[in-house]
Protein backbone atom coordinates (compact mmCIF):
# COMPACT_ATOMS: atom_id res chain seq x y z
CA UNK A 1 108.56 97.63 79.87
CA UNK A 2 105.07 96.67 78.72
CA UNK A 3 104.96 93.93 81.37
CA UNK A 4 106.06 96.38 84.05
CA UNK A 5 103.10 98.58 83.20
CA UNK A 6 100.68 95.63 83.27
CA UNK A 7 102.01 94.37 86.60
CA UNK A 8 101.87 97.85 88.11
CA UNK A 9 98.30 98.27 86.84
CA UNK A 10 97.35 95.11 88.75
CA UNK A 11 98.88 96.58 91.89
CA UNK A 12 96.93 99.78 91.33
CA UNK A 13 93.70 97.77 91.02
CA UNK A 14 94.19 96.83 94.67
CA UNK A 15 94.44 100.53 95.53
CA UNK A 16 91.19 101.19 93.67
CA UNK A 17 89.49 98.62 95.85
CA UNK A 18 91.00 100.23 98.95
CA UNK A 19 89.62 103.62 97.94
CA UNK A 20 86.19 102.08 97.40
CA UNK A 21 86.50 100.34 100.75
CA UNK A 22 87.33 103.69 102.38
CA UNK A 23 84.13 105.12 100.92
CA UNK A 24 81.97 102.27 102.24
CA UNK A 25 83.14 102.45 105.86
CA UNK A 26 80.37 104.22 107.72
CA UNK A 27 82.59 106.61 109.72
CA UNK A 28 84.46 107.79 106.60
CA UNK A 29 81.31 107.97 104.52
CA UNK A 30 79.23 109.91 107.05
CA UNK A 31 81.93 112.38 108.14
CA UNK A 32 83.89 113.09 104.94
CA UNK A 33 82.81 111.39 101.71
CA UNK A 34 79.07 112.16 101.65
CA UNK A 35 79.33 115.81 102.80
CA UNK A 36 82.19 116.55 100.39
CA UNK A 37 80.60 114.76 97.45
CA UNK A 38 77.10 116.02 98.17
CA UNK A 39 78.18 119.64 98.56
CA UNK A 40 79.13 119.76 94.90
CA UNK A 41 75.81 118.44 93.61
CA UNK A 42 72.65 120.40 92.77
CA UNK A 43 70.14 120.65 95.61
CA UNK A 44 67.82 117.77 94.70
CA UNK A 45 70.64 115.36 93.88
CA UNK A 46 72.24 115.95 97.30
CA UNK A 47 69.38 114.13 98.94
CA UNK A 48 69.61 110.79 97.17
CA UNK A 49 72.51 110.53 94.73
CA UNK A 50 75.41 109.96 97.16
CA UNK A 51 73.58 107.19 99.00
CA UNK A 52 72.12 105.45 95.99
CA UNK A 53 74.94 105.74 93.49
CA UNK A 54 78.29 106.37 95.09
CA UNK A 55 77.98 104.00 98.04
CA UNK A 56 76.20 101.36 95.96
CA UNK A 57 78.85 101.38 93.24
CA UNK A 58 81.68 101.20 95.77
CA UNK A 59 79.99 98.26 97.48
CA UNK A 60 79.45 96.53 94.13
CA UNK A 61 83.13 96.90 93.24
CA UNK A 62 84.16 95.35 96.55
CA UNK A 63 81.69 92.47 96.14
CA UNK A 64 82.87 91.87 92.58
CA UNK A 65 86.48 91.59 93.68
CA UNK A 66 85.70 89.84 96.99
CA UNK A 67 82.48 87.78 96.62
CA UNK A 68 82.54 86.64 100.26
CA UNK A 69 81.79 90.20 101.33
CA UNK A 70 78.41 90.44 99.58
CA UNK A 71 76.40 90.86 102.79
CA UNK A 72 78.82 93.05 104.74
CA UNK A 73 81.60 94.86 102.86
CA UNK A 74 83.36 95.37 106.20
CA UNK A 75 84.00 91.62 106.34
CA UNK A 76 86.52 92.03 103.52
CA UNK A 77 88.57 94.57 105.51
CA UNK A 78 91.37 92.23 106.69
CA UNK A 79 91.88 90.81 103.20
CA UNK A 80 91.71 94.21 101.48
CA UNK A 81 94.19 95.73 103.95
CA UNK A 82 96.58 92.80 103.55
CA UNK A 83 96.47 93.22 99.76
CA UNK A 84 96.91 97.00 100.14
CA UNK A 85 99.96 96.52 102.34
CA UNK A 86 101.45 94.09 99.83
CA UNK A 87 100.65 96.46 96.95
CA UNK A 88 102.27 99.43 98.67
CA UNK A 89 105.35 97.37 99.48
CA UNK A 90 105.64 96.26 95.84
CA UNK A 91 105.18 99.82 94.58
CA UNK A 92 107.81 101.01 97.04
CA UNK A 93 110.24 98.32 95.89
CA UNK A 94 109.56 99.18 92.23
CA UNK A 95 110.14 102.90 92.82
CA UNK A 96 113.28 102.33 94.88
CA UNK A 97 115.42 105.46 94.90
CA UNK A 98 114.14 106.71 91.53
CA UNK A 99 112.11 109.89 91.21
CA UNK A 100 109.50 108.25 88.96
CA UNK A 101 108.40 104.74 88.07
CA UNK A 102 109.38 104.12 84.44
CA UNK A 103 111.49 107.05 83.34
CA UNK A 104 114.27 108.16 85.68
CA UNK A 105 113.78 111.95 85.61
CA UNK A 106 110.35 112.66 84.15
CA UNK A 107 106.87 111.34 84.87
CA UNK A 108 104.80 109.28 82.45
CA UNK A 109 101.16 108.17 82.32
CA UNK A 110 101.82 105.40 84.82
CA UNK A 111 103.10 107.96 87.33
CA UNK A 112 99.90 109.95 86.90
CA UNK A 113 97.80 106.85 87.55
CA UNK A 114 99.76 105.81 90.63
CA UNK A 115 99.76 109.35 92.01
CA UNK A 116 96.01 109.63 91.50
CA UNK A 117 95.47 106.62 93.75
CA UNK A 118 98.12 107.30 96.39
CA UNK A 119 97.47 111.01 96.91
CA UNK A 120 93.87 110.73 98.20
CA UNK A 121 95.01 108.45 101.00
CA UNK A 122 97.56 111.03 102.12
CA UNK A 123 95.55 114.19 101.42
CA UNK A 124 91.97 113.39 102.51
CA UNK A 125 91.59 113.42 106.32
CA UNK A 126 89.59 110.19 106.70
CA UNK A 127 88.82 109.13 110.29
CA UNK A 128 89.65 105.47 109.57
CA UNK A 129 92.41 104.95 107.01
CA UNK A 130 95.04 102.29 107.76
CA UNK A 131 96.30 102.54 104.17
CA UNK A 132 97.62 106.03 104.97
CA UNK A 133 99.86 104.49 107.63
CA UNK A 134 101.12 101.87 105.16
CA UNK A 135 102.07 104.62 102.71
CA UNK A 136 103.71 106.70 105.43
CA UNK A 137 105.79 103.68 106.44
CA UNK A 138 107.44 103.82 102.99
CA UNK A 139 109.34 107.12 102.85
CA UNK A 140 110.04 106.85 99.13
CA UNK A 141 106.31 106.71 98.25
CA UNK A 142 105.54 109.58 100.60
CA UNK A 143 108.32 111.64 98.97
CA UNK A 144 107.01 110.59 95.54
CA UNK A 145 103.55 112.00 96.29
CA UNK A 146 105.06 115.15 97.83
CA UNK A 147 107.37 115.62 94.82
CA UNK A 148 104.55 115.41 92.27
CA UNK A 149 102.27 117.58 94.39
CA UNK A 150 104.95 120.25 94.70
CA UNK A 151 105.98 120.11 91.04
CA UNK A 152 102.55 120.07 89.42
CA UNK A 153 100.08 121.27 92.06
CA UNK A 154 102.07 123.87 94.00
CA UNK A 155 99.63 126.63 93.08
CA UNK A 156 96.71 124.53 94.33
CA UNK A 157 95.62 125.98 97.66
CA UNK A 158 94.27 122.73 99.05
CA UNK A 159 91.07 120.83 99.42
CA UNK A 160 88.25 122.32 101.41
CA UNK A 161 86.25 119.64 103.16
């Protein structure tokens, strides 16, 4: 069981990189990420913090994991998307017909981690998000996110972007 958690954490690391990659893409960043993130900051921080910190840290994560992309993070897109597709397929295979990943009828910490990385791809309306299509191509993962959202976040009215 401990090795299952470690292996799944490695798969989730690929999803973290995909989320960072989604932030760095100019269309996603300009239309969704920066306005949403900046709207929650105090006035002065809105002007510089999203550009200097958020985008810089996302780019640094991508360059750390994919050193060939140091000049243009977009150059890592094919490799990142291939890894994301593989990761989603492995997660789908691991989940199978179960309701949750480790325990058959109740969620655990691993389910919370996986949900926290899958849900943004399905819930945030990014203009360019191929990972969303990968997740939608696996009905069990899409049902998994819907099940947890309904069970634990049913009173949540939704995100305002």
